[in-house]
Amino acid sequence: MSVSVRQTEPRDAEAWAAMRQALWPDADAAELAEEVRHFFERPQERIFLTEVFIAEIDRDAVGMLELSLRSIADGCRSSPVPYIEGWFVAERARRHGVGSALVRAAEAWARARAFTEIASDILIENHVSEAAHKKLGFEEVDRMVSFRKSLA
């Protein structure tokens, strides 16, 4: 099983949108798809996502990684910092090196542009993602619980 990773192209829009919905099932599907459409139709207006990588096995899109540039990231000394905003591998393709291939592609992209760090975050209860990050050499720099209170 050979994994290939490349920068996303307009032909990936449907698969990318579906993977975003699988990653964020509580998000509005139409809004997620609109963000994908906007990424391709107005590249000069990209404010949030900087680059997106698609992983394929036998020409079947099985994973994606969304990368942004953030002005700050916890534990990082440089600015801006390439930041993994979304990282997804389809269930059928897990444990075949797809996730690590996506991260390596993002790291190569960042190194080619002289960035010295890359950052990411996870939900505190996502132990699978935590293990994946650590396996790929990420170091934990902080833990937090966020709160909100309605003033209505």
N, C-alpha and C. Protein backbone atom coordinates (compact mmCIF):
# COMPACT_ATOMS: atom_id res chain seq x y z
N MET A 1 0.85 -1.18 0.00
CA MET A 1 0.00 0.00 0.00
C MET A 1 0.90 1.24 0.00
N SER A 2 0.85 1.99 -1.09
CA SER A 2 1.71 3.15 -1.23
C SER A 2 0.91 4.43 -0.99
N VAL A 3 1.41 5.27 -0.09
CA VAL A 3 0.76 6.53 0.24
C VAL A 3 1.45 7.65 -0.52
N SER A 4 0.69 8.49 -1.17
CA SER A 4 1.24 9.69 -1.80
C SER A 4 0.55 10.91 -1.20
N VAL A 5 1.31 11.98 -1.06
CA VAL A 5 0.77 13.23 -0.50
C VAL A 5 1.12 14.36 -1.45
N ARG A 6 0.16 15.23 -1.67
CA ARG A 6 0.36 16.38 -2.55
C ARG A 6 -0.49 17.53 -2.05
N GLN A 7 -0.19 18.72 -2.58
CA GLN A 7 -1.01 19.87 -2.26
C GLN A 7 -2.37 19.68 -2.93
N THR A 8 -3.40 20.16 -2.26
CA THR A 8 -4.75 19.96 -2.76
C THR A 8 -4.99 20.72 -4.06
N GLU A 9 -5.90 20.19 -4.84
CA GLU A 9 -6.28 20.77 -6.13
C GLU A 9 -7.81 20.87 -6.17
N PRO A 10 -8.35 21.69 -7.07
CA PRO A 10 -9.80 21.83 -7.14
C PRO A 10 -10.55 20.50 -7.28
N ARG A 11 -9.95 19.53 -7.94
CA ARG A 11 -10.62 18.22 -8.10
C ARG A 11 -10.81 17.51 -6.76
N ASP A 12 -10.14 17.97 -5.71
CA ASP A 12 -10.22 17.36 -4.38
C ASP A 12 -11.34 17.95 -3.52
N ALA A 13 -12.03 18.94 -4.02
CA ALA A 13 -12.97 19.70 -3.20
C ALA A 13 -13.99 18.81 -2.49
N GLU A 14 -14.61 17.91 -3.21
CA GLU A 14 -15.65 17.07 -2.60
C GLU A 14 -15.07 16.15 -1.52
N ALA A 15 -13.96 15.51 -1.82
CA ALA A 15 -13.33 14.61 -0.85
C ALA A 15 -12.82 15.38 0.36
N TRP A 16 -12.24 16.54 0.11
CA TRP A 16 -11.73 17.36 1.21
C TRP A 16 -12.89 17.80 2.11
N ALA A 17 -13.97 18.26 1.51
CA ALA A 17 -15.13 18.69 2.30
C ALA A 17 -15.69 17.53 3.12
N ALA A 18 -15.74 16.35 2.55
CA ALA A 18 -16.24 15.18 3.28
C ALA A 18 -15.33 14.84 4.47
N MET A 19 -14.02 14.95 4.26
CA MET A 19 -13.09 14.67 5.37
C MET A 19 -13.21 15.72 6.46
N ARG A 20 -13.44 16.97 6.09
CA ARG A 20 -13.64 18.02 7.08
C ARG A 20 -14.89 17.71 7.91
N GLN A 21 -15.95 17.26 7.25
CA GLN A 21 -17.18 16.93 7.97
C GLN A 21 -16.96 15.75 8.91
N ALA A 22 -16.16 14.77 8.48
CA ALA A 22 -15.86 13.63 9.35
C ALA A 22 -15.02 14.06 10.55
N LEU A 23 -14.11 15.01 10.34
CA LEU A 23 -13.26 15.49 11.42
C LEU A 23 -14.05 16.35 12.41
N TRP A 24 -14.93 17.18 11.89
CA TRP A 24 -15.71 18.09 12.74
C TRP A 24 -17.20 17.82 12.54
N PRO A 25 -17.72 16.69 13.03
CA PRO A 25 -19.11 16.30 12.76
C PRO A 25 -20.16 17.27 13.32
N ASP A 26 -19.80 18.07 14.30
CA ASP A 26 -20.77 19.01 14.86
C ASP A 26 -20.83 20.34 14.11
N ALA A 27 -19.91 20.52 13.17
CA ALA A 27 -19.89 21.76 12.38
C ALA A 27 -20.94 21.70 11.28
N ASP A 28 -21.32 22.85 10.78
CA ASP A 28 -22.28 22.93 9.70
C ASP A 28 -21.63 22.48 8.39
N ALA A 29 -22.15 21.42 7.79
CA ALA A 29 -21.57 20.84 6.57
C ALA A 29 -21.51 21.85 5.44
N ALA A 30 -22.55 22.65 5.28
CA ALA A 30 -22.57 23.64 4.20
C ALA A 30 -21.47 24.69 4.41
N GLU A 31 -21.26 25.08 5.63
CA GLU A 31 -20.21 26.07 5.93
C GLU A 31 -18.82 25.48 5.66
N LEU A 32 -18.61 24.24 6.05
CA LEU A 32 -17.32 23.58 5.79
C LEU A 32 -17.06 23.49 4.29
N ALA A 33 -18.09 23.13 3.52
CA ALA A 33 -17.95 23.02 2.07
C ALA A 33 -17.72 24.39 1.44
N GLU A 34 -18.37 25.42 1.97
CA GLU A 34 -18.19 26.78 1.46
C GLU A 34 -16.74 27.24 1.68
N GLU A 35 -16.15 26.90 2.80
CA GLU A 35 -14.75 27.25 3.06
C GLU A 35 -13.82 26.58 2.05
N VAL A 36 -14.15 25.36 1.68
CA VAL A 36 -13.36 24.65 0.66
C VAL A 36 -13.49 25.37 -0.68
N ARG A 37 -14.70 25.69 -1.06
CA ARG A 37 -14.95 26.39 -2.32
C ARG A 37 -14.20 27.72 -2.35
N HIS A 38 -14.28 28.46 -1.27
CA HIS A 38 -13.62 29.76 -1.17
C HIS A 38 -12.10 29.61 -1.31
N PHE A 39 -11.54 28.56 -0.74
CA PHE A 39 -10.10 28.30 -0.81
C PHE A 39 -9.63 28.23 -2.26
N PHE A 40 -10.42 27.57 -3.09
CA PHE A 40 -10.03 27.42 -4.50
C PHE A 40 -10.40 28.61 -5.37
N GLU A 41 -11.56 29.20 -5.11
CA GLU A 41 -12.04 30.27 -5.99
C GLU A 41 -11.39 31.61 -5.72
N ARG A 42 -10.89 31.82 -4.52
CA ARG A 42 -10.28 33.11 -4.17
C ARG A 42 -8.95 32.92 -3.44
N PRO A 43 -7.97 32.32 -4.11
CA PRO A 43 -6.70 32.05 -3.43
C PRO A 43 -6.00 33.31 -2.93
N GLN A 44 -6.21 34.43 -3.60
CA GLN A 44 -5.59 35.68 -3.19
C GLN A 44 -6.19 36.21 -1.88
N GLU A 45 -7.36 35.69 -1.50
CA GLU A 45 -8.04 36.14 -0.29
C GLU A 45 -7.91 35.14 0.87
N ARG A 46 -7.02 34.19 0.75
CA ARG A 46 -6.85 33.22 1.83
C ARG A 46 -6.39 33.92 3.09
N ILE A 47 -7.23 33.92 4.06
CA ILE A 47 -6.92 34.58 5.32
C ILE A 47 -6.55 33.53 6.37
N PHE A 48 -7.29 32.46 6.39
CA PHE A 48 -7.09 31.47 7.45
C PHE A 48 -6.18 30.33 7.00
N LEU A 49 -6.62 29.52 6.08
CA LEU A 49 -5.81 28.39 5.64
C LEU A 49 -4.78 28.83 4.61
N THR A 50 -3.56 28.39 4.82
CA THR A 50 -2.47 28.74 3.91
C THR A 50 -2.23 27.64 2.89
N GLU A 51 -2.25 26.39 3.35
CA GLU A 51 -1.98 25.25 2.48
C GLU A 51 -2.76 24.05 2.98
N VAL A 52 -3.12 23.18 2.05
CA VAL A 52 -3.84 21.94 2.40
C VAL A 52 -3.19 20.80 1.63
N PHE A 53 -2.96 19.71 2.33
CA PHE A 53 -2.36 18.53 1.73
C PHE A 53 -3.38 17.39 1.72
N ILE A 54 -3.36 16.63 0.64
CA ILE A 54 -4.24 15.47 0.47
C ILE A 54 -3.37 14.23 0.38
N ALA A 55 -3.75 13.20 1.11
CA ALA A 55 -3.07 11.90 1.04
C ALA A 55 -3.95 10.95 0.24
N GLU A 56 -3.29 10.17 -0.62
CA GLU A 56 -4.01 9.20 -1.45
C GLU A 56 -3.35 7.83 -1.34
N ILE A 57 -4.19 6.84 -1.45
CA ILE A 57 -3.74 5.46 -1.64
C ILE A 57 -4.47 4.97 -2.88
N ASP A 58 -3.71 4.58 -3.88
CA ASP A 58 -4.30 4.14 -5.15
C ASP A 58 -5.30 5.15 -5.70
N ARG A 59 -4.91 6.42 -5.69
CA ARG A 59 -5.71 7.53 -6.20
C ARG A 59 -7.01 7.78 -5.44
N ASP A 60 -7.12 7.20 -4.26
CA ASP A 60 -8.29 7.40 -3.40
C ASP A 60 -7.87 8.33 -2.27
N ALA A 61 -8.54 9.49 -2.15
CA ALA A 61 -8.22 10.45 -1.09
C ALA A 61 -8.60 9.84 0.26
N VAL A 62 -7.60 9.67 1.12
CA VAL A 62 -7.82 9.02 2.41
C VAL A 62 -7.40 9.88 3.60
N GLY A 63 -6.86 11.06 3.34
CA GLY A 63 -6.44 11.91 4.44
C GLY A 63 -6.20 13.33 3.98
N MET A 64 -6.20 14.23 4.96
CA MET A 64 -5.93 15.63 4.65
C MET A 64 -5.29 16.29 5.86
N LEU A 65 -4.55 17.35 5.58
CA LEU A 65 -3.96 18.17 6.63
C LEU A 65 -4.08 19.62 6.20
N GLU A 66 -4.68 20.43 7.05
CA GLU A 66 -4.86 21.86 6.78
C GLU A 66 -3.83 22.63 7.60
N LEU A 67 -3.15 23.53 6.95
CA LEU A 67 -2.07 24.30 7.57
C LEU A 67 -2.37 25.79 7.46
N SER A 68 -2.19 26.49 8.56
CA SER A 68 -2.32 27.95 8.56
C SER A 68 -1.00 28.55 9.04
N LEU A 69 -0.94 29.86 9.01
CA LEU A 69 0.17 30.58 9.64
C LEU A 69 -0.44 31.41 10.77
N ARG A 70 -0.02 31.13 11.99
CA ARG A 70 -0.50 31.89 13.14
C ARG A 70 0.60 32.83 13.63
N SER A 71 0.19 33.99 14.09
CA SER A 71 1.18 34.95 14.58
C SER A 71 1.83 34.47 15.87
N ILE A 72 1.11 33.71 16.67
CA ILE A 72 1.68 33.11 17.88
C ILE A 72 1.14 31.71 18.05
N ALA A 73 1.92 30.87 18.72
CA ALA A 73 1.49 29.52 19.07
C ALA A 73 2.16 29.16 20.39
N ASP A 74 1.39 28.59 21.29
CA ASP A 74 1.92 28.23 22.60
C ASP A 74 3.21 27.43 22.48
N GLY A 75 4.21 27.84 23.24
CA GLY A 75 5.48 27.13 23.29
C GLY A 75 6.43 27.44 22.15
N CYS A 76 6.01 28.23 21.18
CA CYS A 76 6.87 28.53 20.03
C CYS A 76 7.58 29.87 20.22
N ARG A 77 8.78 29.95 19.68
CA ARG A 77 9.59 31.15 19.81
C ARG A 77 9.55 32.03 18.55
N SER A 78 9.16 31.45 17.44
CA SER A 78 9.16 32.20 16.18
C SER A 78 7.77 32.70 15.83
N SER A 79 7.72 33.59 14.86
CA SER A 79 6.45 34.11 14.38
C SER A 79 6.65 34.58 12.94
N PRO A 80 5.74 34.27 12.06
CA PRO A 80 4.58 33.39 12.25
C PRO A 80 4.98 31.93 12.35
N VAL A 81 4.02 31.09 12.74
CA VAL A 81 4.26 29.67 12.95
C VAL A 81 3.29 28.86 12.09
N PRO A 82 3.79 27.95 11.25
CA PRO A 82 2.89 27.03 10.55
C PRO A 82 2.13 26.21 11.60
N TYR A 83 0.82 26.14 11.45
CA TYR A 83 -0.04 25.53 12.47
C TYR A 83 -0.98 24.52 11.83
N ILE A 84 -0.98 23.32 12.36
CA ILE A 84 -1.87 22.28 11.86
C ILE A 84 -3.26 22.55 12.43
N GLU A 85 -4.16 22.98 11.57
CA GLU A 85 -5.52 23.32 11.99
C GLU A 85 -6.44 22.11 11.92
N GLY A 86 -6.21 21.24 10.97
CA GLY A 86 -7.03 20.05 10.80
C GLY A 86 -6.17 18.93 10.25
N TRP A 87 -6.35 17.73 10.80
CA TRP A 87 -5.54 16.57 10.38
C TRP A 87 -6.46 15.37 10.49
N PHE A 88 -6.72 14.74 9.35
CA PHE A 88 -7.68 13.65 9.32
C PHE A 88 -7.19 12.52 8.43
N VAL A 89 -7.39 11.30 8.91
CA VAL A 89 -7.13 10.10 8.12
C VAL A 89 -8.37 9.21 8.22
N ALA A 90 -8.88 8.78 7.08
CA ALA A 90 -10.06 7.91 7.06
C ALA A 90 -9.77 6.63 7.82
N GLU A 91 -10.76 6.13 8.49
CA GLU A 91 -10.63 4.92 9.32
C GLU A 91 -9.97 3.78 8.54
N ARG A 92 -10.37 3.59 7.29
CA ARG A 92 -9.86 2.48 6.50
C ARG A 92 -8.36 2.59 6.18
N ALA A 93 -7.80 3.80 6.35
CA ALA A 93 -6.40 4.02 5.99
C ALA A 93 -5.50 4.25 7.20
N ARG A 94 -6.07 4.16 8.39
CA ARG A 94 -5.25 4.39 9.59
C ARG A 94 -4.28 3.25 9.81
N ARG A 95 -3.17 3.59 10.43
CA ARG A 95 -2.09 2.64 10.74
C ARG A 95 -1.35 2.15 9.49
N HIS A 96 -1.36 3.00 8.46
CA HIS A 96 -0.63 2.69 7.23
C HIS A 96 0.34 3.82 6.86
N GLY A 97 0.62 4.70 7.80
CA GLY A 97 1.58 5.78 7.56
C GLY A 97 1.01 7.02 6.89
N VAL A 98 -0.30 7.08 6.75
CA VAL A 98 -0.92 8.22 6.08
C VAL A 98 -0.75 9.49 6.91
N GLY A 99 -1.05 9.41 8.19
CA GLY A 99 -0.94 10.58 9.06
C GLY A 99 0.48 11.12 9.10
N SER A 100 1.45 10.25 9.24
CA SER A 100 2.84 10.71 9.30
C SER A 100 3.28 11.27 7.95
N ALA A 101 2.80 10.71 6.85
CA ALA A 101 3.14 11.24 5.53
C ALA A 101 2.59 12.66 5.36
N LEU A 102 1.39 12.90 5.87
CA LEU A 102 0.81 14.24 5.80
C LEU A 102 1.63 15.24 6.62
N VAL A 103 2.03 14.85 7.82
CA VAL A 103 2.82 15.75 8.67
C VAL A 103 4.18 16.00 8.03
N ARG A 104 4.81 14.98 7.48
CA ARG A 104 6.10 15.17 6.81
C ARG A 104 5.98 16.16 5.64
N ALA A 105 4.88 16.09 4.91
CA ALA A 105 4.66 17.03 3.80
C ALA A 105 4.52 18.46 4.32
N ALA A 106 3.79 18.63 5.41
CA ALA A 106 3.64 19.96 6.01
C ALA A 106 4.99 20.47 6.53
N GLU A 107 5.76 19.60 7.14
CA GLU A 107 7.08 19.99 7.64
C GLU A 107 8.00 20.38 6.48
N ALA A 108 7.97 19.64 5.40
CA ALA A 108 8.80 19.96 4.24
C ALA A 108 8.39 21.30 3.65
N TRP A 109 7.09 21.54 3.55
CA TRP A 109 6.59 22.82 3.06
C TRP A 109 7.12 23.95 3.94
N ALA A 110 7.05 23.77 5.25
CA ALA A 110 7.49 24.80 6.20
C ALA A 110 9.01 25.02 6.11
N ARG A 111 9.77 23.94 6.07
CA ARG A 111 11.24 24.08 5.97
C ARG A 111 11.64 24.80 4.69
N ALA A 112 10.95 24.51 3.58
CA ALA A 112 11.27 25.14 2.30
C ALA A 112 11.03 26.65 2.34
N ARG A 113 10.25 27.09 3.30
CA ARG A 113 9.96 28.52 3.45
C ARG A 113 10.68 29.11 4.66
N ALA A 114 11.68 28.39 5.17
CA ALA A 114 12.56 28.83 6.26
C ALA A 114 11.88 28.96 7.62
N PHE A 115 10.76 28.28 7.81
CA PHE A 115 10.17 28.24 9.14
C PHE A 115 10.97 27.27 10.00
N THR A 116 11.05 27.53 11.28
CA THR A 116 11.86 26.71 12.17
C THR A 116 11.04 25.89 13.15
N GLU A 117 9.73 26.09 13.16
CA GLU A 117 8.84 25.36 14.07
C GLU A 117 7.52 25.07 13.35
N ILE A 118 6.82 24.10 13.89
CA ILE A 118 5.45 23.83 13.44
C ILE A 118 4.67 23.48 14.70
N ALA A 119 3.41 23.86 14.76
CA ALA A 119 2.62 23.66 15.97
C ALA A 119 1.26 23.04 15.63
N SER A 120 0.61 22.57 16.68
CA SER A 120 -0.68 21.91 16.54
C SER A 120 -1.37 21.92 17.90
N ASP A 121 -2.61 21.51 17.94
CA ASP A 121 -3.29 21.30 19.21
C ASP A 121 -4.28 20.16 19.07
N ILE A 122 -4.77 19.70 20.18
CA ILE A 122 -5.76 18.62 20.19
C ILE A 122 -6.75 18.90 21.32
N LEU A 123 -7.88 18.25 21.28
CA LEU A 123 -8.78 18.27 22.42
C LEU A 123 -8.15 17.41 23.51
N ILE A 124 -8.25 17.83 24.74
CA ILE A 124 -7.54 17.19 25.84
C ILE A 124 -7.90 15.70 26.00
N GLU A 125 -9.11 15.34 25.59
CA GLU A 125 -9.52 13.94 25.72
C GLU A 125 -9.19 13.08 24.50
N ASN A 126 -8.57 13.66 23.49
CA ASN A 126 -8.26 12.92 22.26
C ASN A 126 -6.91 12.22 22.40
N HIS A 127 -6.92 11.09 23.06
CA HIS A 127 -5.69 10.36 23.35
C HIS A 127 -5.05 9.75 22.10
N VAL A 128 -5.84 9.40 21.11
CA VAL A 128 -5.30 8.85 19.87
C VAL A 128 -4.47 9.92 19.16
N SER A 129 -5.01 11.13 19.05
CA SER A 129 -4.28 12.21 18.40
C SER A 129 -3.05 12.60 19.22
N GLU A 130 -3.18 12.58 20.53
CA GLU A 130 -2.04 12.88 21.40
C GLU A 130 -0.90 11.90 21.13
N ALA A 131 -1.22 10.62 21.07
CA ALA A 131 -0.20 9.60 20.81
C ALA A 131 0.42 9.79 19.42
N ALA A 132 -0.40 10.12 18.44
CA ALA A 132 0.11 10.33 17.08
C ALA A 132 1.07 11.51 17.04
N HIS A 133 0.70 12.61 17.68
CA HIS A 133 1.58 13.78 17.73
C HIS A 133 2.93 13.42 18.38
N LYS A 134 2.87 12.75 19.51
CA LYS A 134 4.10 12.40 20.23
C LYS A 134 4.97 11.45 19.41
N LYS A 135 4.35 10.51 18.72
CA LYS A 135 5.10 9.57 17.89
C LYS A 135 5.84 10.29 16.77
N LEU A 136 5.28 11.40 16.29
CA LEU A 136 5.89 12.16 15.20
C LEU A 136 6.85 13.24 15.69
N GLY A 137 7.13 13.24 16.99
CA GLY A 137 8.14 14.15 17.51
C GLY A 137 7.64 15.47 18.08
N PHE A 138 6.33 15.65 18.13
CA PHE A 138 5.81 16.86 18.76
C PHE A 138 6.00 16.74 20.27
N GLU A 139 6.31 17.85 20.91
CA GLU A 139 6.42 17.86 22.37
C GLU A 139 5.26 18.65 22.94
N GLU A 140 4.71 18.15 24.03
CA GLU A 140 3.61 18.84 24.68
C GLU A 140 4.16 20.09 25.38
N VAL A 141 3.49 21.22 25.18
CA VAL A 141 3.96 22.46 25.79
C VAL A 141 2.96 23.06 26.77
N ASP A 142 1.73 22.56 26.78
CA ASP A 142 0.73 23.16 27.66
C ASP A 142 -0.49 22.25 27.72
N ARG A 143 -1.24 22.36 28.79
CA ARG A 143 -2.56 21.74 28.92
C ARG A 143 -3.49 22.80 29.47
N MET A 144 -4.71 22.81 28.96
CA MET A 144 -5.65 23.79 29.48
C MET A 144 -7.08 23.30 29.32
N VAL A 145 -7.92 23.87 30.11
CA VAL A 145 -9.36 23.66 30.00
C VAL A 145 -9.96 25.04 29.82
N SER A 146 -10.76 25.21 28.80
CA SER A 146 -11.37 26.51 28.54
C SER A 146 -12.76 26.55 29.14
N PHE A 147 -13.16 27.72 29.59
CA PHE A 147 -14.49 27.91 30.19
C PHE A 147 -15.23 29.00 29.45
N ARG A 148 -16.55 28.98 29.59
CA ARG A 148 -17.38 30.08 29.12
C ARG A 148 -18.55 30.21 30.06
N LYS A 149 -19.11 31.38 30.10
CA LYS A 149 -20.30 31.63 30.91
C LYS A 149 -21.20 32.56 30.11
N SER A 150 -22.42 32.14 29.91
CA SER A 150 -23.37 32.98 29.20
C SER A 150 -23.79 34.15 30.09
N LEU A 151 -23.84 35.30 29.50
CA LEU A 151 -24.28 36.49 30.23
C LEU A 151 -25.71 36.88 29.88
N ALA A 152 -26.38 35.99 29.15
CA ALA A 152 -27.76 36.27 28.75
C ALA A 152 -28.71 36.08 29.91
